[in-house]
């Protein structure tokens, strides 16, 4: 089964990697055609900062979508071949099934993260880049965490039929990804964390916020998957929705109060 999963993920990995390398190479070889900007009153061109680091931003975008796609694709072959009955009636434990599904996909993400790190390092000596707002979260340490997070968040819902409540839960989770770190950052600043650097506050808020979302989703998946079988009601994901949705909604309300308080 492990070999099958590696072979299944190989083709999309090579295709996406090819696209990524082509785009990055075009940027490195000929920067001028990608530079965006505007003319000031004197007629001089003022470059838009993001275009100077287009390769890094496009790499981050492609890898983020790839990670989410790999996670969402975890059980696609079972749906396509109607093979869930075979999968869950095999002597392989449910824990090992997840392991055999996850390992090939996480392994396939490693080359993308290596490419991303190399691109990041090619910019790190640029003073404009180093001083740019928001580059902290582009650091490979943070980005690797982000990619793994997106993979698992997508994987947790991949086994359920994408009915209305699963879709709603996914949207709420997406909203939580942005509001929790913002609320934590605001809370830290109100609590007198100004003595700490803004980069540290941003990093801590990012890690803690995403960890909360991950923990809620992981617990919901664990309890739903533990009792999973081939019966139709298992695929609806009612238990996952209940355990995941309620605490996130409560924390969203708390976060809104912190942000507007």
C-alpha atoms as a PDB file:
ATOM      1  CA  UNK A   1       0.000   0.000   0.000  1.00  0.00           C
ATOM      2  CA  UNK A   2       2.854   2.384   0.783  1.00  0.00           C
ATOM      3  CA  UNK A   3       4.395   1.891  -2.658  1.00  0.00           C
ATOM      4  CA  UNK A   4       1.006   2.447  -4.273  1.00  0.00           C
ATOM      5  CA  UNK A   5       0.567   5.741  -2.421  1.00  0.00           C
ATOM      6  CA  UNK A   6       4.044   6.919  -3.435  1.00  0.00           C
ATOM      7  CA  UNK A   7       3.319   6.102  -7.082  1.00  0.00           C
ATOM      8  CA  UNK A   8      -0.065   7.849  -6.853  1.00  0.00           C
ATOM      9  CA  UNK A   9       1.478  11.098  -5.626  1.00  0.00           C
ATOM     10  CA  UNK A  10       4.543  11.032  -7.898  1.00  0.00           C
ATOM     11  CA  UNK A  11       2.922  12.343 -11.090  1.00  0.00           C
ATOM     12  CA  UNK A  12       1.261  15.462  -9.597  1.00  0.00           C
ATOM     13  CA  UNK A  13       4.447  16.167  -7.634  1.00  0.00           C
ATOM     14  CA  UNK A  14       6.598  16.174 -10.778  1.00  0.00           C
ATOM     15  CA  UNK A  15       4.089  18.258 -12.727  1.00  0.00           C
ATOM     16  CA  UNK A  16       3.711  20.955 -10.072  1.00  0.00           C
ATOM     17  CA  UNK A  17       7.434  21.026  -9.366  1.00  0.00           C
ATOM     18  CA  UNK A  18       8.069  21.522 -13.071  1.00  0.00           C
ATOM     19  CA  UNK A  19       5.711  24.511 -13.190  1.00  0.00           C
ATOM     20  CA  UNK A  20       7.288  26.000 -10.061  1.00  0.00           C
ATOM     21  CA  UNK A  21      10.844  25.646 -11.381  1.00  0.00           C
ATOM     22  CA  UNK A  22       9.912  27.149 -14.751  1.00  0.00           C
ATOM     23  CA  UNK A  23       8.319  30.212 -13.138  1.00  0.00           C
ATOM     24  CA  UNK A  24      11.228  30.725 -10.744  1.00  0.00           C
ATOM     25  CA  UNK A  25      13.760  30.284 -13.563  1.00  0.00           C
ATOM     26  CA  UNK A  26      11.979  32.822 -15.776  1.00  0.00           C
ATOM     27  CA  UNK A  27      12.046  35.310 -12.932  1.00  0.00           C
ATOM     28  CA  UNK A  28      15.732  34.759 -12.230  1.00  0.00           C
ATOM     29  CA  UNK A  29      16.722  34.918 -15.907  1.00  0.00           C
ATOM     30  CA  UNK A  30      14.700  37.959 -16.923  1.00  0.00           C
ATOM     31  CA  UNK A  31      13.504  40.164 -14.098  1.00  0.00           C
ATOM     32  CA  UNK A  32      12.463  43.191 -16.154  1.00  0.00           C
ATOM     33  CA  UNK A  33       9.263  41.799 -17.627  1.00  0.00           C
ATOM     34  CA  UNK A  34       7.952  40.912 -14.164  1.00  0.00           C
ATOM     35  CA  UNK A  35       8.677  44.258 -12.521  1.00  0.00           C
ATOM     36  CA  UNK A  36       5.519  46.182 -11.685  1.00  0.00           C
ATOM     37  CA  UNK A  37       5.456  49.864 -10.807  1.00  0.00           C
ATOM     38  CA  UNK A  38       4.211  53.340 -11.571  1.00  0.00           C
ATOM     39  CA  UNK A  39       5.646  56.621 -12.827  1.00  0.00           C
ATOM     40  CA  UNK A  40       5.988  59.522 -10.414  1.00  0.00           C
ATOM     41  CA  UNK A  41       5.603  63.187 -11.374  1.00  0.00           C
ATOM     42  CA  UNK A  42       9.200  63.345 -12.562  1.00  0.00           C
ATOM     43  CA  UNK A  43       8.618  60.446 -14.922  1.00  0.00           C
ATOM     44  CA  UNK A  44      10.763  57.984 -12.996  1.00  0.00           C
ATOM     45  CA  UNK A  45       9.517  54.423 -12.468  1.00  0.00           C
ATOM     46  CA  UNK A  46       8.816  53.435  -8.869  1.00  0.00           C
ATOM     47  CA  UNK A  47       8.836  49.680  -8.434  1.00  0.00           C
ATOM     48  CA  UNK A  48       6.210  47.871  -6.435  1.00  0.00           C
ATOM     49  CA  UNK A  49       8.045  45.963  -3.702  1.00  0.00           C
ATOM     50  CA  UNK A  50       6.259  42.648  -4.040  1.00  0.00           C
ATOM     51  CA  UNK A  51       7.329  42.302  -7.683  1.00  0.00           C
ATOM     52  CA  UNK A  52      10.979  42.365  -6.586  1.00  0.00           C
ATOM     53  CA  UNK A  53      10.347  39.116  -4.725  1.00  0.00           C
ATOM     54  CA  UNK A  54       7.835  37.618  -7.133  1.00  0.00           C
ATOM     55  CA  UNK A  55       9.566  34.244  -7.164  1.00  0.00           C
ATOM     56  CA  UNK A  56       9.266  33.870  -3.378  1.00  0.00           C
ATOM     57  CA  UNK A  57       5.614  34.902  -3.280  1.00  0.00           C
ATOM     58  CA  UNK A  58       4.623  32.694  -6.206  1.00  0.00           C
ATOM     59  CA  UNK A  59       6.517  29.772  -4.671  1.00  0.00           C
ATOM     60  CA  UNK A  60       4.723  30.290  -1.347  1.00  0.00           C
ATOM     61  CA  UNK A  61       1.368  30.415  -3.137  1.00  0.00           C
ATOM     62  CA  UNK A  62       1.982  27.320  -5.265  1.00  0.00           C
ATOM     63  CA  UNK A  63       3.331  25.270  -2.361  1.00  0.00           C
ATOM     64  CA  UNK A  64       0.437  26.287  -0.095  1.00  0.00           C
ATOM     65  CA  UNK A  65      -2.116  25.159  -2.690  1.00  0.00           C
ATOM     66  CA  UNK A  66      -0.106  22.002  -3.365  1.00  0.00           C
ATOM     67  CA  UNK A  67      -0.080  21.118   0.325  1.00  0.00           C
ATOM     68  CA  UNK A  68      -3.819  21.660   0.599  1.00  0.00           C
ATOM     69  CA  UNK A  69      -4.383  19.657  -2.563  1.00  0.00           C
ATOM     70  CA  UNK A  70      -2.298  16.733  -1.337  1.00  0.00           C
ATOM     71  CA  UNK A  71      -4.246  16.714   1.932  1.00  0.00           C
ATOM     72  CA  UNK A  72      -7.646  16.930   0.267  1.00  0.00           C
ATOM     73  CA  UNK A  73      -6.593  14.187  -2.160  1.00  0.00           C
ATOM     74  CA  UNK A  74      -5.759  11.667   0.587  1.00  0.00           C
ATOM     75  CA  UNK A  75      -8.804   9.428   0.093  1.00  0.00           C
ATOM     76  CA  UNK A  76      -9.710  10.363  -3.479  1.00  0.00           C
ATOM     77  CA  UNK A  77      -8.694   6.992  -4.929  1.00  0.00           C
ATOM     78  CA  UNK A  78     -10.983   5.214  -2.443  1.00  0.00           C
ATOM     79  CA  UNK A  79     -13.901   7.390  -3.495  1.00  0.00           C
ATOM     80  CA  UNK A  80     -13.084   6.914  -7.170  1.00  0.00           C
ATOM     81  CA  UNK A  81     -12.798   3.118  -6.911  1.00  0.00           C
ATOM     82  CA  UNK A  82     -15.456   2.626  -4.200  1.00  0.00           C
ATOM     83  CA  UNK A  83     -12.744   0.887  -2.197  1.00  0.00           C
ATOM     84  CA  UNK A  84     -13.597   1.959   1.343  1.00  0.00           C
ATOM     85  CA  UNK A  85     -15.085  -1.438   2.176  1.00  0.00           C
ATOM     86  CA  UNK A  86     -11.850  -3.107   1.107  1.00  0.00           C
ATOM     87  CA  UNK A  87      -9.754  -0.514   2.942  1.00  0.00           C
ATOM     88  CA  UNK A  88     -11.483  -0.868   6.310  1.00  0.00           C
ATOM     89  CA  UNK A  89     -11.916  -4.633   6.092  1.00  0.00           C
ATOM     90  CA  UNK A  90      -8.190  -5.188   5.566  1.00  0.00           C
ATOM     91  CA  UNK A  91      -6.028  -6.392   8.488  1.00  0.00           C
ATOM     92  CA  UNK A  92      -4.268  -3.010   8.527  1.00  0.00           C
ATOM     93  CA  UNK A  93      -5.215  -0.907  11.543  1.00  0.00           C
ATOM     94  CA  UNK A  94      -6.881   2.486  11.131  1.00  0.00           C
ATOM     95  CA  UNK A  95      -3.840   4.212  12.593  1.00  0.00           C
ATOM     96  CA  UNK A  96      -1.544   2.506  10.089  1.00  0.00           C
ATOM     97  CA  UNK A  97      -3.896   3.416   7.234  1.00  0.00           C
ATOM     98  CA  UNK A  98      -3.489   7.093   8.101  1.00  0.00           C
ATOM     99  CA  UNK A  99       0.264   6.620   8.429  1.00  0.00           C
ATOM    100  CA  UNK A 100       0.501   4.960   4.992  1.00  0.00           C
ATOM    101  CA  UNK A 101      -1.579   7.749   3.487  1.00  0.00           C
ATOM    102  CA  UNK A 102       0.203  10.666   5.136  1.00  0.00           C
ATOM    103  CA  UNK A 103       3.888   9.687   4.835  1.00  0.00           C
ATOM    104  CA  UNK A 104       4.093   9.643   0.993  1.00  0.00           C
ATOM    105  CA  UNK A 105       2.352  13.006   0.748  1.00  0.00           C
ATOM    106  CA  UNK A 106       4.479  14.691   3.384  1.00  0.00           C
ATOM    107  CA  UNK A 107       7.568  13.221   1.727  1.00  0.00           C
ATOM    108  CA  UNK A 108       6.436  14.672  -1.609  1.00  0.00           C
ATOM    109  CA  UNK A 109       6.293  18.132  -0.016  1.00  0.00           C
ATOM    110  CA  UNK A 110       9.966  18.025   1.046  1.00  0.00           C
ATOM    111  CA  UNK A 111      11.415  18.978  -2.406  1.00  0.00           C
ATOM    112  CA  UNK A 112       9.016  21.935  -2.542  1.00  0.00           C
ATOM    113  CA  UNK A 113      10.183  23.146   0.866  1.00  0.00           C
ATOM    114  CA  UNK A 114      13.824  22.756  -0.192  1.00  0.00           C
ATOM    115  CA  UNK A 115      13.190  24.879  -3.289  1.00  0.00           C
ATOM    116  CA  UNK A 116      11.338  27.458  -1.200  1.00  0.00           C
ATOM    117  CA  UNK A 117      14.198  27.657   1.322  1.00  0.00           C
ATOM    118  CA  UNK A 118      16.744  28.184  -1.451  1.00  0.00           C
ATOM    119  CA  UNK A 119      14.633  30.978  -2.941  1.00  0.00           C
ATOM    120  CA  UNK A 120      14.280  32.593   0.478  1.00  0.00           C
ATOM    121  CA  UNK A 121      18.030  32.457   1.064  1.00  0.00           C
ATOM    122  CA  UNK A 122      18.616  34.139  -2.288  1.00  0.00           C
ATOM    123  CA  UNK A 123      16.663  37.159  -0.983  1.00  0.00           C
ATOM    124  CA  UNK A 124      17.835  37.266   2.618  1.00  0.00           C
ATOM    125  CA  UNK A 125      20.819  39.562   1.899  1.00  0.00           C
ATOM    126  CA  UNK A 126      18.564  42.133   0.254  1.00  0.00           C
ATOM    127  CA  UNK A 127      18.172  45.039   2.716  1.00  0.00           C
ATOM    128  CA  UNK A 128      14.781  46.030   1.305  1.00  0.00           C
ATOM    129  CA  UNK A 129      13.506  42.489   1.739  1.00  0.00           C
ATOM    130  CA  UNK A 130      14.923  42.158   5.250  1.00  0.00           C
ATOM    131  CA  UNK A 131      13.153  45.330   6.362  1.00  0.00           C
ATOM    132  CA  UNK A 132       9.849  44.587   4.624  1.00  0.00           C
ATOM    133  CA  UNK A 133       6.778  44.161   6.809  1.00  0.00           C
ATOM    134  CA  UNK A 134       5.456  40.619   6.952  1.00  0.00           C
ATOM    135  CA  UNK A 135       8.628  38.842   5.857  1.00  0.00           C
ATOM    136  CA  UNK A 136       8.831  37.123   9.255  1.00  0.00           C
ATOM    137  CA  UNK A 137       6.094  34.693   8.237  1.00  0.00           C
ATOM    138  CA  UNK A 138       7.913  33.996   4.966  1.00  0.00           C
ATOM    139  CA  UNK A 139      10.858  32.600   6.918  1.00  0.00           C
ATOM    140  CA  UNK A 140      11.198  28.861   6.129  1.00  0.00           C
ATOM    141  CA  UNK A 141      10.803  27.997   9.830  1.00  0.00           C
ATOM    142  CA  UNK A 142       7.323  29.525   9.825  1.00  0.00           C
ATOM    143  CA  UNK A 143       6.490  28.482   6.285  1.00  0.00           C
ATOM    144  CA  UNK A 144       7.275  24.803   6.880  1.00  0.00           C
ATOM    145  CA  UNK A 145       4.932  24.867   9.866  1.00  0.00           C
ATOM    146  CA  UNK A 146       2.276  26.558   7.701  1.00  0.00           C
ATOM    147  CA  UNK A 147       2.575  23.980   4.896  1.00  0.00           C
ATOM    148  CA  UNK A 148       2.268  21.020   7.293  1.00  0.00           C
ATOM    149  CA  UNK A 149      -0.683  22.715   8.983  1.00  0.00           C
ATOM    150  CA  UNK A 150      -2.515  23.257   5.674  1.00  0.00           C
ATOM    151  CA  UNK A 151      -1.873  19.640   4.697  1.00  0.00           C
ATOM    152  CA  UNK A 152      -3.401  18.180   7.852  1.00  0.00           C
ATOM    153  CA  UNK A 153      -6.329  20.605   7.965  1.00  0.00           C
ATOM    154  CA  UNK A 154      -7.201  19.509   4.418  1.00  0.00           C
ATOM    155  CA  UNK A 155      -6.578  15.838   5.186  1.00  0.00           C
ATOM    156  CA  UNK A 156      -8.908  15.837   8.217  1.00  0.00           C
ATOM    157  CA  UNK A 157     -11.960  16.522   6.029  1.00  0.00           C
ATOM    158  CA  UNK A 158     -10.866  14.459   3.010  1.00  0.00           C
ATOM    159  CA  UNK A 159     -12.515  11.250   4.219  1.00  0.00           C
ATOM    160  CA  UNK A 160     -15.952  12.813   4.637  1.00  0.00           C
ATOM    161  CA  UNK A 161     -18.412  13.476   1.873  1.00  0.00           C
ATOM    162  CA  UNK A 162     -18.333  17.214   1.208  1.00  0.00           C
ATOM    163  CA  UNK A 163     -21.865  17.927   2.334  1.00  0.00           C
ATOM    164  CA  UNK A 164     -23.145  21.242   3.638  1.00  0.00           C
ATOM    165  CA  UNK A 165     -21.943  21.053   7.243  1.00  0.00           C
ATOM    166  CA  UNK A 166     -18.477  19.824   6.298  1.00  0.00           C
ATOM    167  CA  UNK A 167     -18.228  22.769   3.886  1.00  0.00           C
ATOM    168  CA  UNK A 168     -19.390  25.190   6.604  1.00  0.00           C
ATOM    169  CA  UNK A 169     -16.849  23.760   9.050  1.00  0.00           C
ATOM    170  CA  UNK A 170     -14.075  24.172   6.468  1.00  0.00           C
ATOM    171  CA  UNK A 171     -15.036  27.823   5.924  1.00  0.00           C
ATOM    172  CA  UNK A 172     -15.091  28.488   9.673  1.00  0.00           C
ATOM    173  CA  UNK A 173     -11.677  26.831  10.005  1.00  0.00           C
ATOM    174  CA  UNK A 174     -10.330  29.035   7.204  1.00  0.00           C
ATOM    175  CA  UNK A 175     -11.689  32.115   8.991  1.00  0.00           C
ATOM    176  CA  UNK A 176     -10.175  30.931  12.282  1.00  0.00           C
ATOM    177  CA  UNK A 177      -6.733  30.661  10.666  1.00  0.00           C
ATOM    178  CA  UNK A 178      -6.702  34.427  10.215  1.00  0.00           C
ATOM    179  CA  UNK A 179      -8.662  35.714  13.195  1.00  0.00           C
ATOM    180  CA  UNK A 180      -7.030  33.664  15.993  1.00  0.00           C
ATOM    181  CA  UNK A 181      -3.451  34.895  15.365  1.00  0.00           C
ATOM    182  CA  UNK A 182      -4.732  38.469  15.004  1.00  0.00           C
ATOM    183  CA  UNK A 183      -6.621  38.244  18.301  1.00  0.00           C
ATOM    184  CA  UNK A 184      -3.646  36.702  20.092  1.00  0.00           C
ATOM    185  CA  UNK A 185      -1.369  39.448  18.782  1.00  0.00           C
ATOM    186  CA  UNK A 186      -3.825  42.133  19.954  1.00  0.00           C
ATOM    187  CA  UNK A 187      -4.094  40.448  23.357  1.00  0.00           C
ATOM    188  CA  UNK A 188      -0.313  40.313  23.760  1.00  0.00           C
ATOM    189  CA  UNK A 189       0.057  43.976  22.814  1.00  0.00           C
ATOM    190  CA  UNK A 190      -2.666  45.022  25.246  1.00  0.00           C
ATOM    191  CA  UNK A 191      -0.945  42.970  27.931  1.00  0.00           C
ATOM    192  CA  UNK A 192       2.241  44.991  27.630  1.00  0.00           C
ATOM    193  CA  UNK A 193       4.191  42.845  25.193  1.00  0.00           C
ATOM    194  CA  UNK A 194       5.493  45.975  23.407  1.00  0.00           C
ATOM    195  CA  UNK A 195       8.858  45.367  25.059  1.00  0.00           C
ATOM    196  CA  UNK A 196       9.216  42.318  22.809  1.00  0.00           C
ATOM    197  CA  UNK A 197      10.062  42.822  19.136  1.00  0.00           C
ATOM    198  CA  UNK A 198       7.184  42.962  16.686  1.00  0.00           C
ATOM    199  CA  UNK A 199       8.648  40.010  14.786  1.00  0.00           C
ATOM    200  CA  UNK A 200       8.566  37.881  17.936  1.00  0.00           C
ATOM    201  CA  UNK A 201       4.972  38.862  18.721  1.00  0.00           C
ATOM    202  CA  UNK A 202       3.921  38.119  15.155  1.00  0.00           C
ATOM    203  CA  UNK A 203       5.669  34.752  15.202  1.00  0.00           C
ATOM    204  CA  UNK A 204       4.274  33.685  18.570  1.00  0.00           C
ATOM    205  CA  UNK A 205       0.741  34.764  17.567  1.00  0.00           C
ATOM    206  CA  UNK A 206       1.047  32.832  14.315  1.00  0.00           C
ATOM    207  CA  UNK A 207       2.239  29.635  15.990  1.00  0.00           C
ATOM    208  CA  UNK A 208      -0.272  29.718  18.860  1.00  0.00           C
ATOM    209  CA  UNK A 209      -3.243  30.635  16.662  1.00  0.00           C
ATOM    210  CA  UNK A 210      -2.585  27.887  14.138  1.00  0.00           C
ATOM    211  CA  UNK A 211      -1.855  25.378  16.877  1.00  0.00           C
ATOM    212  CA  UNK A 212      -5.283  26.057  18.426  1.00  0.00           C
ATOM    213  CA  UNK A 213      -7.016  25.483  15.075  1.00  0.00           C
ATOM    214  CA  UNK A 214      -4.956  22.359  14.449  1.00  0.00           C
ATOM    215  CA  UNK A 215      -5.638  20.929  17.908  1.00  0.00           C
ATOM    216  CA  UNK A 216      -9.400  21.405  17.614  1.00  0.00           C
ATOM    217  CA  UNK A 217      -9.502  19.834  14.143  1.00  0.00           C
ATOM    218  CA  UNK A 218      -7.181  16.971  15.129  1.00  0.00           C
ATOM    219  CA  UNK A 219      -9.280  16.079  18.186  1.00  0.00           C
ATOM    220  CA  UNK A 220     -12.458  16.194  16.081  1.00  0.00           C
ATOM    221  CA  UNK A 221     -10.890  13.943  13.447  1.00  0.00           C
ATOM    222  CA  UNK A 222      -9.578  11.510  16.064  1.00  0.00           C
ATOM    223  CA  UNK A 223     -12.988  10.925  17.653  1.00  0.00           C
ATOM    224  CA  UNK A 224     -14.773  10.754  14.289  1.00  0.00           C
ATOM    225  CA  UNK A 225     -12.228   8.433  12.677  1.00  0.00           C
ATOM    226  CA  UNK A 226     -11.969   6.172  15.728  1.00  0.00           C
ATOM    227  CA  UNK A 227     -15.542   4.929  15.207  1.00  0.00           C
ATOM    228  CA  UNK A 228     -15.381   5.071  11.422  1.00  0.00           C
ATOM    229  CA  UNK A 229     -16.700   2.172   9.337  1.00  0.00           C
ATOM    230  CA  UNK A 230     -18.129   1.702   5.855  1.00  0.00           C
ATOM    231  CA  UNK A 231     -21.667   2.685   6.846  1.00  0.00           C
ATOM    232  CA  UNK A 232     -23.030   5.686   4.998  1.00  0.00           C
ATOM    233  CA  UNK A 233     -23.563   7.776   8.148  1.00  0.00           C
ATOM    234  CA  UNK A 234     -19.862   7.636   8.968  1.00  0.00           C
ATOM    235  CA  UNK A 235     -19.055   9.538   5.789  1.00  0.00           C
ATOM    236  CA  UNK A 236     -21.339  12.435   6.716  1.00  0.00           C
ATOM    237  CA  UNK A 237     -18.901  13.528   9.401  1.00  0.00           C
ATOM    238  CA  UNK A 238     -21.534  14.607  11.950  1.00  0.00           C
ATOM    239  CA  UNK A 239     -19.236  13.942  14.913  1.00  0.00           C
ATOM    240  CA  UNK A 240     -16.357  15.783  13.269  1.00  0.00           C
ATOM    241  CA  UNK A 241     -18.549  18.816  12.603  1.00  0.00           C
ATOM    242  CA  UNK A 242     -19.918  18.879  16.152  1.00  0.00           C
ATOM    243  CA  UNK A 243     -16.551  18.630  17.891  1.00  0.00           C
ATOM    244  CA  UNK A 244     -14.791  21.000  15.506  1.00  0.00           C
ATOM    245  CA  UNK A 245     -17.403  23.671  14.866  1.00  0.00           C
ATOM    246  CA  UNK A 246     -18.621  24.561  18.372  1.00  0.00           C
ATOM    247  CA  UNK A 247     -15.247  25.401  20.010  1.00  0.00           C
ATOM    248  CA  UNK A 248     -14.126  27.332  16.942  1.00  0.00           C
ATOM    249  CA  UNK A 249     -17.274  29.454  16.976  1.00  0.00           C
ATOM    250  CA  UNK A 250     -16.788  30.175  20.685  1.00  0.00           C
ATOM    251  CA  UNK A 251     -13.165  31.186  20.123  1.00  0.00           C
ATOM    252  CA  UNK A 252     -14.128  33.329  17.113  1.00  0.00           C
ATOM    253  CA  UNK A 253     -16.586  35.276  19.275  1.00  0.00           C
ATOM    254  CA  UNK A 254     -13.904  35.731  21.955  1.00  0.00           C
ATOM    255  CA  UNK A 255     -11.407  36.825  19.282  1.00  0.00           C
ATOM    256  CA  UNK A 256     -13.826  39.433  17.896  1.00  0.00           C
ATOM    257  CA  UNK A 257     -14.320  40.898  21.383  1.00  0.00           C
ATOM    258  CA  UNK A 258     -10.535  41.095  21.826  1.00  0.00           C
ATOM    259  CA  UNK A 259     -10.067  42.811  18.449  1.00  0.00           C
ATOM    260  CA  UNK A 260     -12.807  45.404  18.947  1.00  0.00           C
ATOM    261  CA  UNK A 261     -12.237  45.849  22.696  1.00  0.00           C
END
